[in-house]
PDB file of N, CA and C in Angstrom:
ATOM      1  N   MET A   1      26.055 216.629 277.863  1.00  0.00           N
ATOM      2  CA  MET A   1      25.057 215.588 277.767  1.00  0.00           C
ATOM      3  C   MET A   1      24.497 215.509 276.354  1.00  0.00           C
ATOM      4  N   ALA A   2      24.262 216.654 275.734  1.00  0.00           N
ATOM      5  CA  ALA A   2      23.706 216.662 274.376  1.00  0.00           C
ATOM      6  C   ALA A   2      24.656 215.992 273.390  1.00  0.00           C
ATOM      7  N   VAL A   3      25.958 216.235 273.536  1.00  0.00           N
ATOM      8  CA  VAL A   3      26.948 215.595 272.651  1.00  0.00           C
ATOM      9  C   VAL A   3      26.938 214.094 272.867  1.00  0.00           C
ATOM     10  N   HIS A   4      26.877 213.661 274.108  1.00  0.00           N
ATOM     11  CA  HIS A   4      26.831 212.230 274.417  1.00  0.00           C
ATOM     12  C   HIS A   4      25.599 211.578 273.789  1.00  0.00           C
ATOM     13  N   GLU A   5      24.461 212.239 273.865  1.00  0.00           N
ATOM     14  CA  GLU A   5      23.234 211.695 273.272  1.00  0.00           C
ATOM     15  C   GLU A   5      23.383 211.514 271.770  1.00  0.00           C
ATOM     16  N   VAL A   6      23.990 212.465 271.111  1.00  0.00           N
ATOM     17  CA  VAL A   6      24.170 212.369 269.656  1.00  0.00           C
ATOM     18  C   VAL A   6      25.158 211.260 269.306  1.00  0.00           C
ATOM     19  N   THR A   7      26.285 211.200 270.016  1.00  0.00           N
ATOM     20  CA  THR A   7      27.306 210.207 269.672  1.00  0.00           C
ATOM     21  C   THR A   7      26.857 208.785 269.983  1.00  0.00           C
ATOM     22  N   THR A   8      25.966 208.603 270.921  1.00  0.00           N
ATOM     23  CA  THR A   8      25.481 207.258 271.203  1.00  0.00           C
ATOM     24  C   THR A   8      24.321 206.865 270.298  1.00  0.00           C
ATOM     25  N   PHE A   9      23.647 207.828 269.697  1.00  0.00           N
ATOM     26  CA  PHE A   9      22.516 207.525 268.828  1.00  0.00           C
ATOM     27  C   PHE A   9      22.976 207.183 267.410  1.00  0.00           C
ATOM     28  N   TYR A  10      23.908 207.943 266.869  1.00  0.00           N
ATOM     29  CA  TYR A  10      24.381 207.739 265.498  1.00  0.00           C
ATOM     30  C   TYR A  10      25.664 206.925 265.500  1.00  0.00           C
ATOM     31  N   ASN A  11      25.697 205.873 264.681  1.00  0.00           N
ATOM     32  CA  ASN A  11      26.874 205.005 264.689  1.00  0.00           C
ATOM     33  C   ASN A  11      28.029 205.531 263.840  1.00  0.00           C
ATOM     34  N   MET A  12      27.864 206.678 263.190  1.00  0.00           N
ATOM     35  CA  MET A  12      28.993 207.215 262.431  1.00  0.00           C
ATOM     36  C   MET A  12      29.947 208.008 263.332  1.00  0.00           C
ATOM     37  N   TYR A  13      29.541 208.291 264.562  1.00  0.00           N
ATOM     38  CA  TYR A  13      30.410 208.965 265.531  1.00  0.00           C
ATOM     39  C   TYR A  13      31.016 207.917 266.441  1.00  0.00           C
ATOM     40  N   ASN A  14      32.306 208.024 266.672  1.00  0.00           N
ATOM     41  CA  ASN A  14      33.015 207.037 267.486  1.00  0.00           C
ATOM     42  C   ASN A  14      33.388 207.630 268.826  1.00  0.00           C
ATOM     43  N   GLN A  15      33.173 206.870 269.885  1.00  0.00           N
ATOM     44  CA  GLN A  15      33.563 207.299 271.222  1.00  0.00           C
ATOM     45  C   GLN A  15      34.897 206.686 271.620  1.00  0.00           C
ATOM     46  N   GLN A  16      35.334 205.682 270.882  1.00  0.00           N
ATOM     47  CA  GLN A  16      36.600 205.008 271.140  1.00  0.00           C
ATOM     48  C   GLN A  16      37.299 204.813 269.809  1.00  0.00           C
ATOM     49  N   PRO A  17      38.616 204.578 269.822  1.00  0.00           N
ATOM     50  CA  PRO A  17      39.324 204.324 268.558  1.00  0.00           C
ATOM     51  C   PRO A  17      38.741 203.104 267.844  1.00  0.00           C
ATOM     52  N   VAL A  18      38.658 203.191 266.532  1.00  0.00           N
ATOM     53  CA  VAL A  18      38.138 202.088 265.720  1.00  0.00           C
ATOM     54  C   VAL A  18      39.170 201.711 264.668  1.00  0.00           C
ATOM     55  N   GLY A  19      38.922 200.584 263.998  1.00  0.00           N
ATOM     56  CA  GLY A  19      39.812 200.133 262.948  1.00  0.00           C
ATOM     57  C   GLY A  19      39.741 201.026 261.719  1.00  0.00           C
ATOM     58  N   ARG A  20      40.607 200.736 260.775  1.00  0.00           N
ATOM     59  CA  ARG A  20      40.631 201.506 259.528  1.00  0.00           C
ATOM     60  C   ARG A  20      39.311 201.384 258.783  1.00  0.00           C
ATOM     61  N   PHE A  21      38.704 200.205 258.851  1.00  0.00           N
ATOM     62  CA  PHE A  21      37.420 199.958 258.198  1.00  0.00           C
ATOM     63  C   PHE A  21      36.394 199.543 259.244  1.00  0.00           C
ATOM     64  N   LYS A  22      35.221 200.177 259.229  1.00  0.00           N
ATOM     65  CA  LYS A  22      34.130 199.802 260.121  1.00  0.00           C
ATOM     66  C   LYS A  22      33.147 198.940 259.333  1.00  0.00           C
ATOM     67  N   LEU A  23      32.907 197.755 259.812  1.00  0.00           N
ATOM     68  CA  LEU A  23      31.927 196.864 259.203  1.00  0.00           C
ATOM     69  C   LEU A  23      30.646 196.973 260.019  1.00  0.00           C
ATOM     70  N   ASN A  24      29.645 197.618 259.453  1.00  0.00           N
ATOM     71  CA  ASN A  24      28.355 197.777 260.123  1.00  0.00           C
ATOM     72  C   ASN A  24      27.389 196.752 259.560  1.00  0.00           C
ATOM     73  N   VAL A  25      26.871 195.907 260.407  1.00  0.00           N
ATOM     74  CA  VAL A  25      25.936 194.863 259.987  1.00  0.00           C
ATOM     75  C   VAL A  25      24.556 195.223 260.497  1.00  0.00           C
ATOM     76  N   CYS A  26      23.608 195.268 259.592  1.00  0.00           N
ATOM     77  CA  CYS A  26      22.235 195.627 259.925  1.00  0.00           C
ATOM     78  C   CYS A  26      21.651 194.625 260.920  1.00  0.00           C
ATOM     79  N   THR A  27      21.067 195.169 261.999  1.00  0.00           N
ATOM     80  CA  THR A  27      20.487 194.303 263.020  1.00  0.00           C
ATOM     81  C   THR A  27      19.052 194.688 263.370  1.00  0.00           C
ATOM     82  N   ASN A  28      18.404 195.508 262.527  1.00  0.00           N
ATOM     83  CA  ASN A  28      17.002 195.843 262.823  1.00  0.00           C
ATOM     84  C   ASN A  28      16.110 194.648 262.457  1.00  0.00           C
ATOM     85  N   LEU A  29      14.833 194.745 262.719  1.00  0.00           N
ATOM     86  CA  LEU A  29      13.933 193.603 262.539  1.00  0.00           C
ATOM     87  C   LEU A  29      13.921 193.041 261.119  1.00  0.00           C
ATOM     88  N   PRO A  30      13.771 193.856 260.065  1.00  0.00           N
ATOM     89  CA  PRO A  30      13.783 193.278 258.721  1.00  0.00           C
ATOM     90  C   PRO A  30      15.086 192.539 258.418  1.00  0.00           C
ATOM     91  N   CYS A  31      16.190 193.075 258.894  1.00  0.00           N
ATOM     92  CA  CYS A  31      17.477 192.408 258.669  1.00  0.00           C
ATOM     93  C   CYS A  31      17.581 191.119 259.474  1.00  0.00           C
ATOM     94  N   GLN A  32      17.032 191.125 260.678  1.00  0.00           N
ATOM     95  CA  GLN A  32      17.023 189.901 261.482  1.00  0.00           C
ATOM     96  C   GLN A  32      16.249 188.791 260.767  1.00  0.00           C
ATOM     97  N   LEU A  33      15.152 189.170 260.132  1.00  0.00           N
ATOM     98  CA  LEU A  33      14.349 188.182 259.406  1.00  0.00           C
ATOM     99  C   LEU A  33      15.078 187.632 258.187  1.00  0.00           C
ATOM    100  N   ARG A  34      16.071 188.379 257.683  1.00  0.00           N
ATOM    101  CA  ARG A  34      16.848 187.945 256.525  1.00  0.00           C
ATOM    102  C   ARG A  34      18.204 187.383 256.921  1.00  0.00           C
ATOM    103  N   GLY A  35      18.435 187.146 258.206  1.00  0.00           N
ATOM    104  CA  GLY A  35      19.675 186.523 258.655  1.00  0.00           C
ATOM    105  C   GLY A  35      20.738 187.489 259.144  1.00  0.00           C
ATOM    106  N   GLY A  36      20.348 188.676 259.549  1.00  0.00           N
ATOM    107  CA  GLY A  36      21.308 189.668 260.020  1.00  0.00           C
ATOM    108  C   GLY A  36      22.129 189.202 261.207  1.00  0.00           C
ATOM    109  N   ALA A  37      21.490 188.537 262.152  1.00  0.00           N
ATOM    110  CA  ALA A  37      22.212 188.044 263.330  1.00  0.00           C
ATOM    111  C   ALA A  37      23.229 186.985 262.933  1.00  0.00           C
ATOM    112  N   HIS A  38      22.843 186.123 262.005  1.00  0.00           N
ATOM    113  CA  HIS A  38      23.753 185.081 261.524  1.00  0.00           C
ATOM    114  C   HIS A  38      24.961 185.716 260.832  1.00  0.00           C
ATOM    115  N   ALA A  39      24.733 186.726 260.019  1.00  0.00           N
ATOM    116  CA  ALA A  39      25.827 187.412 259.326  1.00  0.00           C
ATOM    117  C   ALA A  39      26.769 188.072 260.325  1.00  0.00           C
ATOM    118  N   LEU A  40      26.213 188.701 261.347  1.00  0.00           N
ATOM    119  CA  LEU A  40      27.032 189.359 262.363  1.00  0.00           C
ATOM    120  C   LEU A  40      27.878 188.334 263.122  1.00  0.00           C
ATOM    121  N   GLU A  41      27.276 187.227 263.524  1.00  0.00           N
ATOM    122  CA  GLU A  41      28.011 186.174 264.229  1.00  0.00           C
ATOM    123  C   GLU A  41      29.084 185.558 263.349  1.00  0.00           C
ATOM    124  N   HIS A  42      28.763 185.344 262.077  1.00  0.00           N
ATOM    125  CA  HIS A  42      29.730 184.767 261.137  1.00  0.00           C
ATOM    126  C   HIS A  42      30.954 185.677 260.990  1.00  0.00           C
ATOM    127  N   LEU A  43      30.719 186.974 260.802  1.00  0.00           N
ATOM    128  CA  LEU A  43      31.830 187.911 260.674  1.00  0.00           C
ATOM    129  C   LEU A  43      32.665 187.971 261.950  1.00  0.00           C
ATOM    130  N   ALA A  44      32.012 187.928 263.094  1.00  0.00           N
ATOM    131  CA  ALA A  44      32.741 187.954 264.365  1.00  0.00           C
ATOM    132  C   ALA A  44      33.663 186.743 264.470  1.00  0.00           C
ATOM    133  N   ARG A  45      33.155 185.565 264.103  1.00  0.00           N
ATOM    134  CA  ARG A  45      33.980 184.348 264.134  1.00  0.00           C
ATOM    135  C   ARG A  45      35.136 184.454 263.146  1.00  0.00           C
ATOM    136  N   ARG A  46      34.859 184.881 261.927  1.00  0.00           N
ATOM    137  CA  ARG A  46      35.897 184.959 260.889  1.00  0.00           C
ATOM    138  C   ARG A  46      36.980 185.975 261.233  1.00  0.00           C
ATOM    139  N   LEU A  47      36.579 187.084 261.845  1.00  0.00           N
ATOM    140  CA  LEU A  47      37.556 188.107 262.210  1.00  0.00           C
ATOM    141  C   LEU A  47      38.232 187.828 263.548  1.00  0.00           C
ATOM    142  N   GLY A  48      37.633 186.947 264.339  1.00  0.00           N
ATOM    143  CA  GLY A  48      38.197 186.619 265.647  1.00  0.00           C
ATOM    144  C   GLY A  48      38.020 187.734 266.664  1.00  0.00           C
ATOM    145  N   VAL A  49      36.888 188.441 266.573  1.00  0.00           N
ATOM    146  CA  VAL A  49      36.608 189.532 267.511  1.00  0.00           C
ATOM    147  C   VAL A  49      35.192 189.398 268.031  1.00  0.00           C
ATOM    148  N   GLU A  50      34.912 190.097 269.117  1.00  0.00           N
ATOM    149  CA  GLU A  50      33.542 190.193 269.602  1.00  0.00           C
ATOM    150  C   GLU A  50      32.856 191.326 268.857  1.00  0.00           C
ATOM    151  N   VAL A  51      31.543 191.322 268.848  1.00  0.00           N
ATOM    152  CA  VAL A  51      30.791 192.414 268.238  1.00  0.00           C
ATOM    153  C   VAL A  51      31.151 193.702 268.962  1.00  0.00           C
ATOM    154  N   GLY A  52      31.499 194.713 268.203  1.00  0.00           N
ATOM    155  CA  GLY A  52      31.947 195.979 268.770  1.00  0.00           C
ATOM    156  C   GLY A  52      33.459 196.045 268.914  1.00  0.00           C
ATOM    157  N   GLY A  53      34.129 194.930 268.636  1.00  0.00           N
ATOM    158  CA  GLY A  53      35.578 194.871 268.791  1.00  0.00           C
ATOM    159  C   GLY A  53      36.332 195.185 267.512  1.00  0.00           C
ATOM    160  N   THR A  54      37.626 195.371 267.662  1.00  0.00           N
ATOM    161  CA  THR A  54      38.521 195.670 266.553  1.00  0.00           C
ATOM    162  C   THR A  54      39.545 194.549 266.444  1.00  0.00           C
ATOM    163  N   THR A  55      39.881 194.168 265.219  1.00  0.00           N
ATOM    164  CA  THR A  55      40.870 193.115 265.006  1.00  0.00           C
ATOM    165  C   THR A  55      42.218 193.532 265.573  1.00  0.00           C
ATOM    166  N   ALA A  56      43.056 192.549 265.881  1.00  0.00           N
ATOM    167  CA  ALA A  56      44.355 192.814 266.499  1.00  0.00           C
ATOM    168  C   ALA A  56      45.240 193.700 265.630  1.00  0.00           C
ATOM    169  N   ASP A  57      45.090 193.601 264.318  1.00  0.00           N
ATOM    170  CA  ASP A  57      45.910 194.427 263.430  1.00  0.00           C
ATOM    171  C   ASP A  57      45.357 195.838 263.249  1.00  0.00           C
ATOM    172  N   GLY A  58      44.207 196.122 263.878  1.00  0.00           N
ATOM    173  CA  GLY A  58      43.613 197.448 263.804  1.00  0.00           C
ATOM    174  C   GLY A  58      42.956 197.763 262.476  1.00  0.00           C
ATOM    175  N   LEU A  59      42.700 196.739 261.685  1.00  0.00           N
ATOM    176  CA  LEU A  59      42.153 196.968 260.347  1.00  0.00           C
ATOM    177  C   LEU A  59      40.633 197.054 260.345  1.00  0.00           C
ATOM    178  N   PHE A  60      39.946 196.158 261.061  1.00  0.00           N
ATOM    179  CA  PHE A  60      38.486 196.109 261.020  1.00  0.00           C
ATOM    180  C   PHE A  60      37.865 196.275 262.408  1.00  0.00           C
ATOM    181  N   THR A  61      36.773 197.014 262.448  1.00  0.00           N
ATOM    182  CA  THR A  61      35.921 197.095 263.626  1.00  0.00           C
ATOM    183  C   THR A  61      34.552 196.591 263.216  1.00  0.00           C
ATOM    184  N   LEU A  62      33.990 195.669 263.979  1.00  0.00           N
ATOM    185  CA  LEU A  62      32.698 195.068 263.663  1.00  0.00           C
ATOM    186  C   LEU A  62      31.635 195.657 264.570  1.00  0.00           C
ATOM    187  N   GLN A  63      30.611 196.277 263.964  1.00  0.00           N
ATOM    188  CA  GLN A  63      29.563 196.927 264.741  1.00  0.00           C
ATOM    189  C   GLN A  63      28.182 196.558 264.234  1.00  0.00           C
ATOM    190  N   PRO A  64      27.239 196.380 265.155  1.00  0.00           N
ATOM    191  CA  PRO A  64      25.852 196.243 264.719  1.00  0.00           C
ATOM    192  C   PRO A  64      25.320 197.612 264.316  1.00  0.00           C
ATOM    193  N   ALA A  65      24.392 197.637 263.391  1.00  0.00           N
ATOM    194  CA  ALA A  65      23.790 198.900 262.954  1.00  0.00           C
ATOM    195  C   ALA A  65      22.309 198.667 262.743  1.00  0.00           C
ATOM    196  N   SER A  66      21.489 199.566 263.229  1.00  0.00           N
ATOM    197  CA  SER A  66      20.045 199.366 263.116  1.00  0.00           C
ATOM    198  C   SER A  66      19.411 200.170 261.989  1.00  0.00           C
ATOM    199  N   ALA A  67      20.163 201.059 261.376  1.00  0.00           N
ATOM    200  CA  ALA A  67      19.575 201.921 260.352  1.00  0.00           C
ATOM    201  C   ALA A  67      20.012 201.566 258.936  1.00  0.00           C
ATOM    202  N   TRP A  68      20.695 200.463 258.781  1.00  0.00           N
ATOM    203  CA  TRP A  68      21.200 200.084 257.455  1.00  0.00           C
ATOM    204  C   TRP A  68      20.361 198.953 256.874  1.00  0.00           C
ATOM    205  N   ALA A  69      20.223 198.940 255.590  1.00  0.00           N
ATOM    206  CA  ALA A  69      19.574 197.837 254.891  1.00  0.00           C
ATOM    207  C   ALA A  69      20.630 196.762 254.619  1.00  0.00           C
ATOM    208  N   PRO A  70      20.215 195.526 254.412  1.00  0.00           N
ATOM    209  CA  PRO A  70      21.195 194.489 254.118  1.00  0.00           C
ATOM    210  C   PRO A  70      21.888 194.786 252.786  1.00  0.00           C
ATOM    211  N   ALA A  71      23.202 194.619 252.778  1.00  0.00           N
ATOM    212  CA  ALA A  71      23.962 194.880 251.561  1.00  0.00           C
ATOM    213  C   ALA A  71      23.923 193.679 250.632  1.00  0.00           C
ATOM    214  N   ARG A  72      23.761 192.494 251.186  1.00  0.00           N
ATOM    215  CA  ARG A  72      23.766 191.287 250.363  1.00  0.00           C
ATOM    216  C   ARG A  72      22.797 190.288 250.982  1.00  0.00           C
ATOM    217  N   THR A  73      22.001 189.688 250.147  1.00  0.00           N
ATOM    218  CA  THR A  73      21.093 188.649 250.629  1.00  0.00           C
ATOM    219  C   THR A  73      21.280 187.395 249.799  1.00  0.00           C
ATOM    220  N   ARG A  74      20.885 186.287 250.334  1.00  0.00           N
ATOM    221  CA  ARG A  74      20.988 185.012 249.645  1.00  0.00           C
ATOM    222  C   ARG A  74      19.580 184.533 249.351  1.00  0.00           C
ATOM    223  N   ARG A  75      19.350 184.056 248.147  1.00  0.00           N
ATOM    224  CA  ARG A  75      18.021 183.565 247.779  1.00  0.00           C
ATOM    225  C   ARG A  75      17.914 182.084 247.952  1.00  0.00           C
TER     226      ARG A  75
END
C-alpha cells in the first residue's frame, strides 16, 4: 500500500508503460489561470491521444502535472 501511495502521488513514477518522452503539462490553479487546460487540450489534439495516453508510435505520453510551473507563456 505504501508503494502504491508513493507511485500515485508523484508523477515521475510510472505504473504503466509510457512513451519515450513524457510531456507533463501543468494543471494546478496558477497554470489554469495562464491557459494550462488549453495547452493540455491543444497537445492532446495535435498528438491524437487522450490525456494520459501514449501516441501510437510510442514516442510521447501526455500527462497532466500539478507540481510544475508553466514552461512557456504567451503575453
